[in-house]
Amino acid sequence: MADKVYGLGKNVWTTKGEEQEAAKKKFIECLKLLEGELGDKPYFGGETFGLCDVALIPFYSCFGTYEICSNFSIEAECPTLTARAKRCMQKESVAKSLSDQHKIYDFAMQNKKKFGME
């Protein structure tokens, strides 16, 4: 899961034009697949916060970068998945361990500039 979400997400913020639109479509399809697996459960494991939820959280931290770079709303496309990620973020252990979304965006923009992806 992690490799696929990371690779698709990276394509969202590192590409432009038609390539970026195709990347957004694939990324959203992947997120919708995850969202479908959730169903009505509060967490991937049912009632218990578990490993799959832990794996999702770092990607949720990058959602802001993806949205800004490619002008779309992940929450509008995948509201259930976003709500689950927000629920996970309410756990103190999770909230304390993640980087600020603004710092992640700044880092991504530095990399775009460094590698000539602007």
C-alpha atoms as a PDB file:
ATOM      1  CA  MET A   1       0.000   0.000   0.000  1.00  0.00           C
ATOM      2  CA  ALA A   2       2.644   2.516   1.052  1.00  0.00           C
ATOM      3  CA  ASP A   3       4.709   2.211  -2.125  1.00  0.00           C
ATOM      4  CA  LYS A   4       1.679   2.675  -4.341  1.00  0.00           C
ATOM      5  CA  VAL A   5       0.256   5.669  -2.439  1.00  0.00           C
ATOM      6  CA  TYR A   6       3.686   7.306  -2.190  1.00  0.00           C
ATOM      7  CA  GLY A   7       4.473   6.831  -5.880  1.00  0.00           C
ATOM      8  CA  LEU A   8       1.096   8.084  -7.042  1.00  0.00           C
ATOM      9  CA  GLY A   9       1.221  11.024  -4.627  1.00  0.00           C
ATOM     10  CA  LYS A  10       4.704  11.982  -5.793  1.00  0.00           C
ATOM     11  CA  ASN A  11       3.444  12.072  -9.381  1.00  0.00           C
ATOM     12  CA  VAL A  12       0.689  14.475  -8.321  1.00  0.00           C
ATOM     13  CA  TRP A  13       3.087  17.150  -7.058  1.00  0.00           C
ATOM     14  CA  THR A  14       6.008  16.607  -9.463  1.00  0.00           C
ATOM     15  CA  THR A  15       4.167  16.720 -12.788  1.00  0.00           C
ATOM     16  CA  LYS A  16       2.231  19.297 -14.791  1.00  0.00           C
ATOM     17  CA  GLY A  17      -0.548  19.518 -17.345  1.00  0.00           C
ATOM     18  CA  GLU A  18      -2.062  16.336 -18.740  1.00  0.00           C
ATOM     19  CA  GLU A  19       0.468  14.170 -16.924  1.00  0.00           C
ATOM     20  CA  GLN A  20      -0.591  15.719 -13.608  1.00  0.00           C
ATOM     21  CA  GLU A  21      -4.283  15.249 -14.408  1.00  0.00           C
ATOM     22  CA  ALA A  22      -3.652  11.569 -15.122  1.00  0.00           C
ATOM     23  CA  ALA A  23      -1.640  11.304 -11.886  1.00  0.00           C
ATOM     24  CA  LYS A  24      -4.474  12.890  -9.880  1.00  0.00           C
ATOM     25  CA  LYS A  25      -6.963  10.464 -11.374  1.00  0.00           C
ATOM     26  CA  LYS A  26      -4.828   7.433 -10.477  1.00  0.00           C
ATOM     27  CA  PHE A  27      -4.126   8.813  -6.995  1.00  0.00           C
ATOM     28  CA  ILE A  28      -7.809   9.398  -6.300  1.00  0.00           C
ATOM     29  CA  GLU A  29      -8.663   5.910  -7.584  1.00  0.00           C
ATOM     30  CA  CYS A  30      -6.149   4.443  -5.139  1.00  0.00           C
ATOM     31  CA  LEU A  31      -7.540   6.491  -2.243  1.00  0.00           C
ATOM     32  CA  LYS A  32     -11.090   5.472  -3.152  1.00  0.00           C
ATOM     33  CA  LEU A  33      -9.984   1.835  -3.035  1.00  0.00           C
ATOM     34  CA  LEU A  34      -8.686   2.404   0.496  1.00  0.00           C
ATOM     35  CA  GLU A  35     -11.873   4.249   1.362  1.00  0.00           C
ATOM     36  CA  GLY A  36     -13.921   1.313   0.098  1.00  0.00           C
ATOM     37  CA  GLU A  37     -11.981  -1.056   2.344  1.00  0.00           C
ATOM     38  CA  LEU A  38     -12.947   1.050   5.342  1.00  0.00           C
ATOM     39  CA  GLY A  39     -16.661   0.705   4.785  1.00  0.00           C
ATOM     40  CA  ASP A  40     -18.477   1.721   7.969  1.00  0.00           C
ATOM     41  CA  LYS A  41     -15.594   0.739  10.255  1.00  0.00           C
ATOM     42  CA  PRO A  42     -13.948   3.477  12.296  1.00  0.00           C
ATOM     43  CA  TYR A  43     -10.489   2.030  11.509  1.00  0.00           C
ATOM     44  CA  PHE A  44      -9.086  -0.388   8.925  1.00  0.00           C
ATOM     45  CA  GLY A  45      -9.010  -3.100  11.600  1.00  0.00           C
ATOM     46  CA  GLY A  46     -12.610  -2.462  12.647  1.00  0.00           C
ATOM     47  CA  GLU A  47     -12.995  -0.866  16.059  1.00  0.00           C
ATOM     48  CA  THR A  48      -9.265  -0.933  16.803  1.00  0.00           C
ATOM     49  CA  PHE A  49      -6.595   1.515  15.651  1.00  0.00           C
ATOM     50  CA  GLY A  50      -3.935  -0.609  13.959  1.00  0.00           C
ATOM     51  CA  LEU A  51      -1.020  -0.923  11.581  1.00  0.00           C
ATOM     52  CA  CYS A  52      -2.903   0.036   8.404  1.00  0.00           C
ATOM     53  CA  ASP A  53      -4.125   3.192  10.119  1.00  0.00           C
ATOM     54  CA  VAL A  54      -0.579   3.987  11.234  1.00  0.00           C
ATOM     55  CA  ALA A  55       0.629   3.524   7.648  1.00  0.00           C
ATOM     56  CA  LEU A  56      -1.994   5.966   6.320  1.00  0.00           C
ATOM     57  CA  ILE A  57      -1.136   8.860   8.634  1.00  0.00           C
ATOM     58  CA  PRO A  58       2.151  10.019   7.028  1.00  0.00           C
ATOM     59  CA  PHE A  59       0.376  10.192   3.673  1.00  0.00           C
ATOM     60  CA  TYR A  60      -2.422  12.230   5.185  1.00  0.00           C
ATOM     61  CA  SER A  61       0.229  14.719   6.282  1.00  0.00           C
ATOM     62  CA  CYS A  62       1.162  15.155   2.612  1.00  0.00           C
ATOM     63  CA  PHE A  63      -2.393  15.702   1.367  1.00  0.00           C
ATOM     64  CA  GLY A  64      -2.068  19.484   1.694  1.00  0.00           C
ATOM     65  CA  THR A  65       0.957  19.497  -0.610  1.00  0.00           C
ATOM     66  CA  TYR A  66      -0.821  17.361  -3.188  1.00  0.00           C
ATOM     67  CA  GLU A  67      -3.876  19.619  -3.077  1.00  0.00           C
ATOM     68  CA  ILE A  68      -1.938  22.886  -3.399  1.00  0.00           C
ATOM     69  CA  CYS A  69       0.327  21.620  -6.191  1.00  0.00           C
ATOM     70  CA  SER A  70      -2.474  20.237  -8.290  1.00  0.00           C
ATOM     71  CA  ASN A  71      -5.523  22.275  -7.293  1.00  0.00           C
ATOM     72  CA  PHE A  72      -7.981  19.663  -6.003  1.00  0.00           C
ATOM     73  CA  SER A  73      -9.534  18.585  -2.724  1.00  0.00           C
ATOM     74  CA  ILE A  74      -8.860  15.106  -1.420  1.00  0.00           C
ATOM     75  CA  GLU A  75     -11.546  15.605   1.213  1.00  0.00           C
ATOM     76  CA  ALA A  76     -14.111  16.344  -1.507  1.00  0.00           C
ATOM     77  CA  GLU A  77     -13.049  13.243  -3.451  1.00  0.00           C
ATOM     78  CA  CYS A  78     -12.629  10.871  -0.482  1.00  0.00           C
ATOM     79  CA  PRO A  79     -14.534  12.254   2.519  1.00  0.00           C
ATOM     80  CA  THR A  80     -14.691   8.953   4.408  1.00  0.00           C
ATOM     81  CA  LEU A  81     -10.959   8.324   4.148  1.00  0.00           C
ATOM     82  CA  THR A  82     -10.187  11.900   5.159  1.00  0.00           C
ATOM     83  CA  ALA A  83     -12.518  11.648   8.169  1.00  0.00           C
ATOM     84  CA  ARG A  84     -10.742   8.445   9.251  1.00  0.00           C
ATOM     85  CA  ALA A  85      -7.348  10.102   8.918  1.00  0.00           C
ATOM     86  CA  LYS A  86      -8.547  13.055  10.984  1.00  0.00           C
ATOM     87  CA  ARG A  87      -9.817  10.624  13.639  1.00  0.00           C
ATOM     88  CA  CYS A  88      -6.379   9.014  13.762  1.00  0.00           C
ATOM     89  CA  MET A  89      -4.779  12.463  14.065  1.00  0.00           C
ATOM     90  CA  GLN A  90      -6.793  13.060  17.234  1.00  0.00           C
ATOM     91  CA  LYS A  91      -4.745  10.384  18.978  1.00  0.00           C
ATOM     92  CA  GLU A  92      -2.103  12.171  21.011  1.00  0.00           C
ATOM     93  CA  SER A  93       0.598   9.670  20.049  1.00  0.00           C
ATOM     94  CA  VAL A  94      -0.081  10.302  16.367  1.00  0.00           C
ATOM     95  CA  ALA A  95      -0.401  14.086  16.559  1.00  0.00           C
ATOM     96  CA  LYS A  96       2.907  14.437  18.414  1.00  0.00           C
ATOM     97  CA  SER A  97       4.878  12.334  15.947  1.00  0.00           C
ATOM     98  CA  LEU A  98       4.096  14.030  12.625  1.00  0.00           C
ATOM     99  CA  SER A  99       5.593  16.957  10.798  1.00  0.00           C
ATOM    100  CA  ASP A 100       3.535  20.065  10.202  1.00  0.00           C
ATOM    101  CA  GLN A 101       1.807  20.039   6.787  1.00  0.00           C
ATOM    102  CA  HIS A 102       3.287  23.467   5.998  1.00  0.00           C
ATOM    103  CA  LYS A 103       6.819  22.160   6.589  1.00  0.00           C
ATOM    104  CA  ILE A 104       6.117  19.216   4.307  1.00  0.00           C
ATOM    105  CA  TYR A 105       4.907  21.600   1.591  1.00  0.00           C
ATOM    106  CA  ASP A 106       8.007  23.803   2.009  1.00  0.00           C
ATOM    107  CA  PHE A 107      10.232  20.730   1.758  1.00  0.00           C
ATOM    108  CA  ALA A 108       8.442  19.559  -1.389  1.00  0.00           C
ATOM    109  CA  MET A 109       8.847  22.988  -3.006  1.00  0.00           C
ATOM    110  CA  GLN A 110      12.554  23.037  -2.133  1.00  0.00           C
ATOM    111  CA  ASN A 111      12.933  19.652  -3.809  1.00  0.00           C
ATOM    112  CA  LYS A 112      11.017  20.794  -6.896  1.00  0.00           C
ATOM    113  CA  LYS A 113      13.401  23.718  -7.218  1.00  0.00           C
ATOM    114  CA  LYS A 114      16.495  21.652  -6.448  1.00  0.00           C
ATOM    115  CA  PHE A 115      15.641  19.053  -9.064  1.00  0.00           C
ATOM    116  CA  GLY A 116      14.326  21.499 -11.696  1.00  0.00           C
ATOM    117  CA  MET A 117      10.681  20.401 -11.504  1.00  0.00           C
ATOM    118  CA  GLU A 118       9.220  23.918 -11.385  1.00  0.00           C
END
